[in-house]
PDB file of N, CA and C in Angstrom:
ATOM      1  N   MET A   1     107.215 -69.470  40.876  1.00  0.00           N
ATOM      2  CA  MET A   1     106.186 -68.473  41.103  1.00  0.00           C
ATOM      3  C   MET A   1     105.219 -68.935  42.181  1.00  0.00           C
ATOM      4  N   ARG A   2     104.919 -70.207  42.184  1.00  0.00           N
ATOM      5  CA  ARG A   2     103.966 -70.742  43.154  1.00  0.00           C
ATOM      6  C   ARG A   2     104.526 -70.649  44.577  1.00  0.00           C
ATOM      7  N   SER A   3     105.836 -70.937  44.724  1.00  0.00           N
ATOM      8  CA  SER A   3     106.443 -70.855  46.059  1.00  0.00           C
ATOM      9  C   SER A   3     106.516 -69.412  46.541  1.00  0.00           C
ATOM     10  N   PHE A   4     106.718 -68.469  45.609  1.00  0.00           N
ATOM     11  CA  PHE A   4     106.738 -67.064  45.978  1.00  0.00           C
ATOM     12  C   PHE A   4     105.376 -66.614  46.497  1.00  0.00           C
ATOM     13  N   ALA A   5     104.318 -67.048  45.849  1.00  0.00           N
ATOM     14  CA  ALA A   5     102.963 -66.693  46.290  1.00  0.00           C
ATOM     15  C   ALA A   5     102.672 -67.291  47.655  1.00  0.00           C
ATOM     16  N   PHE A   6     103.136 -68.525  47.893  1.00  0.00           N
ATOM     17  CA  PHE A   6     102.939 -69.151  49.194  1.00  0.00           C
ATOM     18  C   PHE A   6     103.705 -68.403  50.274  1.00  0.00           C
ATOM     19  N   LEU A   7     104.944 -67.998  49.980  1.00  0.00           N
ATOM     20  CA  LEU A   7     105.744 -67.243  50.930  1.00  0.00           C
ATOM     21  C   LEU A   7     105.104 -65.901  51.246  1.00  0.00           C
ATOM     22  N   LEU A   8     104.597 -65.253  50.236  1.00  0.00           N
ATOM     23  CA  LEU A   8     103.916 -63.970  50.433  1.00  0.00           C
ATOM     24  C   LEU A   8     102.669 -64.140  51.302  1.00  0.00           C
ATOM     25  N   LEU A   9     101.906 -65.185  51.073  1.00  0.00           N
ATOM     26  CA  LEU A   9     100.729 -65.466  51.886  1.00  0.00           C
ATOM     27  C   LEU A   9     101.121 -65.767  53.330  1.00  0.00           C
ATOM     28  N   LEU A  10     102.172 -66.539  53.508  1.00  0.00           N
ATOM     29  CA  LEU A  10     102.635 -66.888  54.849  1.00  0.00           C
ATOM     30  C   LEU A  10     103.088 -65.651  55.616  1.00  0.00           C
ATOM     31  N   LEU A  11     103.826 -64.774  54.958  1.00  0.00           N
ATOM     32  CA  LEU A  11     104.291 -63.553  55.608  1.00  0.00           C
ATOM     33  C   LEU A  11     103.136 -62.614  55.949  1.00  0.00           C
ATOM     34  N   SER A  12     102.161 -62.517  55.078  1.00  0.00           N
ATOM     35  CA  SER A  12     101.026 -61.638  55.361  1.00  0.00           C
ATOM     36  C   SER A  12     100.197 -62.170  56.517  1.00  0.00           C
ATOM     37  N   CYS A  13     100.071 -63.491  56.642  1.00  0.00           N
ATOM     38  CA  CYS A  13      99.326 -64.070  57.764  1.00  0.00           C
ATOM     39  C   CYS A  13     100.071 -63.884  59.074  1.00  0.00           C
ATOM     40  N   SER A  14     101.394 -63.984  59.039  1.00  0.00           N
ATOM     41  CA  SER A  14     102.157 -63.827  60.275  1.00  0.00           C
ATOM     42  C   SER A  14     102.091 -62.392  60.778  1.00  0.00           C
ATOM     43  N   THR A  15     102.061 -61.410  59.881  1.00  0.00           N
ATOM     44  CA  THR A  15     101.943 -60.029  60.326  1.00  0.00           C
ATOM     45  C   THR A  15     100.527 -59.727  60.793  1.00  0.00           C
ATOM     46  N   LEU A  16      99.563 -60.450  60.293  1.00  0.00           N
ATOM     47  CA  LEU A  16      98.182 -60.256  60.723  1.00  0.00           C
ATOM     48  C   LEU A  16      98.006 -60.662  62.183  1.00  0.00           C
ATOM     49  N   PHE A  17      98.647 -61.748  62.591  1.00  0.00           N
ATOM     50  CA  PHE A  17      98.513 -62.230  63.959  1.00  0.00           C
ATOM     51  C   PHE A  17      99.532 -61.618  64.908  1.00  0.00           C
ATOM     52  N   ALA A  18     100.440 -60.804  64.410  1.00  0.00           N
ATOM     53  CA  ALA A  18     101.493 -60.235  65.241  1.00  0.00           C
ATOM     54  C   ALA A  18     101.121 -58.862  65.792  1.00  0.00           C
ATOM     55  N   GLN A  19      99.885 -58.479  65.684  1.00  0.00           N
ATOM     56  CA  GLN A  19      99.462 -57.173  66.166  1.00  0.00           C
ATOM     57  C   GLN A  19      99.425 -57.158  67.693  1.00  0.00           C
ATOM     58  N   ILE A  20      99.815 -56.041  68.268  1.00  0.00           N
ATOM     59  CA  ILE A  20      99.850 -55.887  69.725  1.00  0.00           C
ATOM     60  C   ILE A  20      98.668 -55.019  70.143  1.00  0.00           C
ATOM     61  N   ASP A  21      97.960 -55.490  71.145  1.00  0.00           N
ATOM     62  CA  ASP A  21      96.840 -54.744  71.695  1.00  0.00           C
ATOM     63  C   ASP A  21      97.278 -54.140  73.030  1.00  0.00           C
ATOM     64  N   PRO A  22      97.544 -52.829  73.080  1.00  0.00           N
ATOM     65  CA  PRO A  22      98.015 -52.213  74.327  1.00  0.00           C
ATOM     66  C   PRO A  22      97.012 -52.312  75.483  1.00  0.00           C
ATOM     67  N   LYS A  23      95.751 -52.567  75.180  1.00  0.00           N
ATOM     68  CA  LYS A  23      94.748 -52.676  76.247  1.00  0.00           C
ATOM     69  C   LYS A  23      94.942 -53.938  77.075  1.00  0.00           C
ATOM     70  N   ARG A  24      95.629 -54.949  76.502  1.00  0.00           N
ATOM     71  CA  ARG A  24      95.827 -56.199  77.226  1.00  0.00           C
ATOM     72  C   ARG A  24      97.124 -56.216  78.029  1.00  0.00           C
ATOM     73  N   VAL A  25      97.885 -55.116  77.990  1.00  0.00           N
ATOM     74  CA  VAL A  25      99.153 -55.017  78.727  1.00  0.00           C
ATOM     75  C   VAL A  25      98.903 -54.259  80.023  1.00  0.00           C
ATOM     76  N   THR A  26      99.340 -54.853  81.132  1.00  0.00           N
ATOM     77  CA  THR A  26      99.210 -54.215  82.441  1.00  0.00           C
ATOM     78  C   THR A  26     100.594 -54.016  83.030  1.00  0.00           C
ATOM     79  N   ILE A  27     100.890 -52.779  83.429  1.00  0.00           N
ATOM     80  CA  ILE A  27     102.157 -52.472  84.084  1.00  0.00           C
ATOM     81  C   ILE A  27     101.835 -52.077  85.519  1.00  0.00           C
ATOM     82  N   ALA A  28     102.255 -52.913  86.455  1.00  0.00           N
ATOM     83  CA  ALA A  28     102.033 -52.643  87.877  1.00  0.00           C
ATOM     84  C   ALA A  28     103.382 -52.357  88.520  1.00  0.00           C
ATOM     85  N   ARG A  29     103.455 -51.297  89.270  1.00  0.00           N
ATOM     86  CA  ARG A  29     104.703 -50.945  89.960  1.00  0.00           C
ATOM     87  C   ARG A  29     104.561 -51.252  91.445  1.00  0.00           C
ATOM     88  N   ASP A  30     105.630 -51.816  92.021  1.00  0.00           N
ATOM     89  CA  ASP A  30     105.595 -52.118  93.451  1.00  0.00           C
ATOM     90  C   ASP A  30     106.020 -50.887  94.243  1.00  0.00           C
ATOM     91  N   SER A  31     106.202 -51.043  95.541  1.00  0.00           N
ATOM     92  CA  SER A  31     106.506 -49.897  96.401  1.00  0.00           C
ATOM     93  C   SER A  31     107.883 -49.296  96.117  1.00  0.00           C
ATOM     94  N   PHE A  32     108.765 -50.049  95.453  1.00  0.00           N
ATOM     95  CA  PHE A  32     110.082 -49.538  95.089  1.00  0.00           C
ATOM     96  C   PHE A  32     110.099 -48.930  93.691  1.00  0.00           C
ATOM     97  N   GLY A  33     108.991 -48.996  92.975  1.00  0.00           N
ATOM     98  CA  GLY A  33     108.899 -48.451  91.627  1.00  0.00           C
ATOM     99  C   GLY A  33     109.314 -49.415  90.534  1.00  0.00           C
ATOM    100  N   VAL A  34     109.526 -50.676  90.886  1.00  0.00           N
ATOM    101  CA  VAL A  34     109.920 -51.678  89.900  1.00  0.00           C
ATOM    102  C   VAL A  34     108.692 -52.100  89.099  1.00  0.00           C
ATOM    103  N   PRO A  35     108.776 -52.016  87.757  1.00  0.00           N
ATOM    104  CA  PRO A  35     107.613 -52.402  86.951  1.00  0.00           C
ATOM    105  C   PRO A  35     107.478 -53.922  86.823  1.00  0.00           C
ATOM    106  N   HIS A  36     106.255 -54.386  86.927  1.00  0.00           N
ATOM    107  CA  HIS A  36     105.919 -55.785  86.681  1.00  0.00           C
ATOM    108  C   HIS A  36     104.913 -55.782  85.538  1.00  0.00           C
ATOM    109  N   ILE A  37     105.285 -56.426  84.432  1.00  0.00           N
ATOM    110  CA  ILE A  37     104.469 -56.388  83.222  1.00  0.00           C
ATOM    111  C   ILE A  37     103.701 -57.694  83.086  1.00  0.00           C
ATOM    112  N   PHE A  38     102.394 -57.569  82.873  1.00  0.00           N
ATOM    113  CA  PHE A  38     101.519 -58.727  82.702  1.00  0.00           C
ATOM    114  C   PHE A  38     100.802 -58.600  81.367  1.00  0.00           C
ATOM    115  N   ALA A  39     100.935 -59.650  80.542  1.00  0.00           N
ATOM    116  CA  ALA A  39     100.269 -59.685  79.241  1.00  0.00           C
ATOM    117  C   ALA A  39     100.197 -61.142  78.785  1.00  0.00           C
ATOM    118  N   PRO A  40      99.235 -61.459  77.928  1.00  0.00           N
ATOM    119  CA  PRO A  40      99.069 -62.856  77.506  1.00  0.00           C
ATOM    120  C   PRO A  40     100.131 -63.379  76.538  1.00  0.00           C
ATOM    121  N   THR A  41     100.776 -62.512  75.771  1.00  0.00           N
ATOM    122  CA  THR A  41     101.756 -62.988  74.789  1.00  0.00           C
ATOM    123  C   THR A  41     103.103 -62.308  75.008  1.00  0.00           C
ATOM    124  N   ASP A  42     104.152 -62.937  74.500  1.00  0.00           N
ATOM    125  CA  ASP A  42     105.502 -62.385  74.630  1.00  0.00           C
ATOM    126  C   ASP A  42     105.669 -61.035  73.923  1.00  0.00           C
ATOM    127  N   PRO A  43     105.141 -60.847  72.703  1.00  0.00           N
ATOM    128  CA  PRO A  43     105.282 -59.522  72.086  1.00  0.00           C
ATOM    129  C   PRO A  43     104.609 -58.411  72.893  1.00  0.00           C
ATOM    130  N   GLU A  44     103.502 -58.714  73.524  1.00  0.00           N
ATOM    131  CA  GLU A  44     102.825 -57.699  74.338  1.00  0.00           C
ATOM    132  C   GLU A  44     103.612 -57.409  75.612  1.00  0.00           C
ATOM    133  N   VAL A  45     104.268 -58.423  76.180  1.00  0.00           N
ATOM    134  CA  VAL A  45     105.134 -58.191  77.346  1.00  0.00           C
ATOM    135  C   VAL A  45     106.320 -57.325  76.937  1.00  0.00           C
ATOM    136  N   SER A  46     106.883 -57.572  75.765  1.00  0.00           N
ATOM    137  CA  SER A  46     107.999 -56.761  75.274  1.00  0.00           C
ATOM    138  C   SER A  46     107.563 -55.312  75.062  1.00  0.00           C
ATOM    139  N   TYR A  47     106.365 -55.143  74.543  1.00  0.00           N
ATOM    140  CA  TYR A  47     105.815 -53.794  74.374  1.00  0.00           C
ATOM    141  C   TYR A  47     105.682 -53.099  75.731  1.00  0.00           C
ATOM    142  N   GLY A  48     105.170 -53.830  76.716  1.00  0.00           N
ATOM    143  CA  GLY A  48     105.030 -53.261  78.053  1.00  0.00           C
ATOM    144  C   GLY A  48     106.370 -52.918  78.671  1.00  0.00           C
ATOM    145  N   LEU A  49     107.377 -53.759  78.445  1.00  0.00           N
ATOM    146  CA  LEU A  49     108.716 -53.488  78.965  1.00  0.00           C
ATOM    147  C   LEU A  49     109.298 -52.234  78.323  1.00  0.00           C
ATOM    148  N   ALA A  50     109.129 -52.096  77.021  1.00  0.00           N
ATOM    149  CA  ALA A  50     109.610 -50.895  76.340  1.00  0.00           C
ATOM    150  C   ALA A  50     108.868 -49.651  76.837  1.00  0.00           C
ATOM    151  N   TRP A  51     107.576 -49.796  77.083  1.00  0.00           N
ATOM    152  CA  TRP A  51     106.786 -48.663  77.576  1.00  0.00           C
ATOM    153  C   TRP A  51     107.256 -48.242  78.968  1.00  0.00           C
ATOM    154  N   ALA A  52     107.485 -49.225  79.849  1.00  0.00           N
ATOM    155  CA  ALA A  52     107.960 -48.924  81.206  1.00  0.00           C
ATOM    156  C   ALA A  52     109.353 -48.304  81.166  1.00  0.00           C
ATOM    157  N   HIS A  53     110.206 -48.790  80.279  1.00  0.00           N
ATOM    158  CA  HIS A  53     111.542 -48.225  80.143  1.00  0.00           C
ATOM    159  C   HIS A  53     111.464 -46.784  79.663  1.00  0.00           C
ATOM    160  N   ALA A  54     110.564 -46.512  78.734  1.00  0.00           N
ATOM    161  CA  ALA A  54     110.397 -45.146  78.243  1.00  0.00           C
ATOM    162  C   ALA A  54     109.856 -44.227  79.339  1.00  0.00           C
ATOM    163  N   GLU A  55     108.985 -44.737  80.197  1.00  0.00           N
ATOM    164  CA  GLU A  55     108.493 -43.923  81.312  1.00  0.00           C
ATOM    165  C   GLU A  55     109.610 -43.591  82.295  1.00  0.00           C
ATOM    166  N   ASP A  56     110.510 -44.547  82.504  1.00  0.00           N
ATOM    167  CA  ASP A  56     111.565 -44.349  83.494  1.00  0.00           C
ATOM    168  C   ASP A  56     112.710 -43.486  82.994  1.00  0.00           C
ATOM    169  N   ASP A  57     113.145 -43.698  81.757  1.00  0.00           N
ATOM    170  CA  ASP A  57     114.355 -43.032  81.281  1.00  0.00           C
ATOM    171  C   ASP A  57     114.274 -42.763  79.779  1.00  0.00           C
ATOM    172  N   PHE A  58     113.376 -41.891  79.386  1.00  0.00           N
ATOM    173  CA  PHE A  58     113.165 -41.605  77.968  1.00  0.00           C
ATOM    174  C   PHE A  58     114.360 -40.902  77.334  1.00  0.00           C
ATOM    175  N   LYS A  59     115.055 -40.087  78.114  1.00  0.00           N
ATOM    176  CA  LYS A  59     116.179 -39.338  77.566  1.00  0.00           C
ATOM    177  C   LYS A  59     117.279 -40.272  77.068  1.00  0.00           C
ATOM    178  N   SER A  60     117.607 -41.297  77.835  1.00  0.00           N
ATOM    179  CA  SER A  60     118.665 -42.202  77.387  1.00  0.00           C
ATOM    180  C   SER A  60     118.225 -43.025  76.174  1.00  0.00           C
ATOM    181  N   LEU A  61     116.935 -43.359  76.084  1.00  0.00           N
ATOM    182  CA  LEU A  61     116.436 -44.042  74.892  1.00  0.00           C
ATOM    183  C   LEU A  61     116.608 -43.172  73.655  1.00  0.00           C
ATOM    184  N   GLN A  62     116.352 -41.899  73.775  1.00  0.00           N
ATOM    185  CA  GLN A  62     116.511 -40.984  72.657  1.00  0.00           C
ATOM    186  C   GLN A  62     117.974 -40.824  72.273  1.00  0.00           C
ATOM    187  N   MET A  63     118.868 -40.802  73.275  1.00  0.00           N
ATOM    188  CA  MET A  63     120.297 -40.665  72.992  1.00  0.00           C
ATOM    189  C   MET A  63     120.850 -41.911  72.302  1.00  0.00           C
ATOM    190  N   VAL A  64     120.285 -43.089  72.569  1.00  0.00           N
ATOM    191  CA  VAL A  64     120.725 -44.305  71.907  1.00  0.00           C
ATOM    192  C   VAL A  64     120.174 -44.355  70.483  1.00  0.00           C
ATOM    193  N   ALA A  65     118.965 -43.900  70.282  1.00  0.00           N
ATOM    194  CA  ALA A  65     118.338 -43.955  68.970  1.00  0.00           C
ATOM    195  C   ALA A  65     118.847 -42.863  68.035  1.00  0.00           C
ATOM    196  N   LEU A  66     119.335 -41.775  68.584  1.00  0.00           N
ATOM    197  CA  LEU A  66     119.767 -40.634  67.769  1.00  0.00           C
ATOM    198  C   LEU A  66     120.890 -40.983  66.793  1.00  0.00           C
ATOM    199  N   PRO A  67     121.953 -41.669  67.196  1.00  0.00           N
ATOM    200  CA  PRO A  67     123.025 -41.977  66.221  1.00  0.00           C
ATOM    201  C   PRO A  67     122.582 -42.920  65.106  1.00  0.00           C
ATOM    202  N   SER A  68     121.558 -43.693  65.323  1.00  0.00           N
ATOM    203  CA  SER A  68     121.123 -44.635  64.290  1.00  0.00           C
ATOM    204  C   SER A  68     120.323 -43.965  63.179  1.00  0.00           C
ATOM    205  N   LYS A  69     119.913 -42.744  63.394  1.00  0.00           N
ATOM    206  CA  LYS A  69     119.119 -42.060  62.369  1.00  0.00           C
ATOM    207  C   LYS A  69     119.976 -41.395  61.344  1.00  0.00           C
TER     208      LYS A  69
END
């Protein structure tokens, strides 16, 4: 029981620090339209990459996600 409580505490702390702040993500596009994502942490960079991908080709993202539902 004690190890379960410790595991639960550990998981709750990890989700507390795993929050993404979209205000800290910067997506800059160059003259060719290629996105360059700047953010302090890897999860925020991944969020920015997903956001840029959705801006570029949202239809294909929806077609990939549709069969999984």
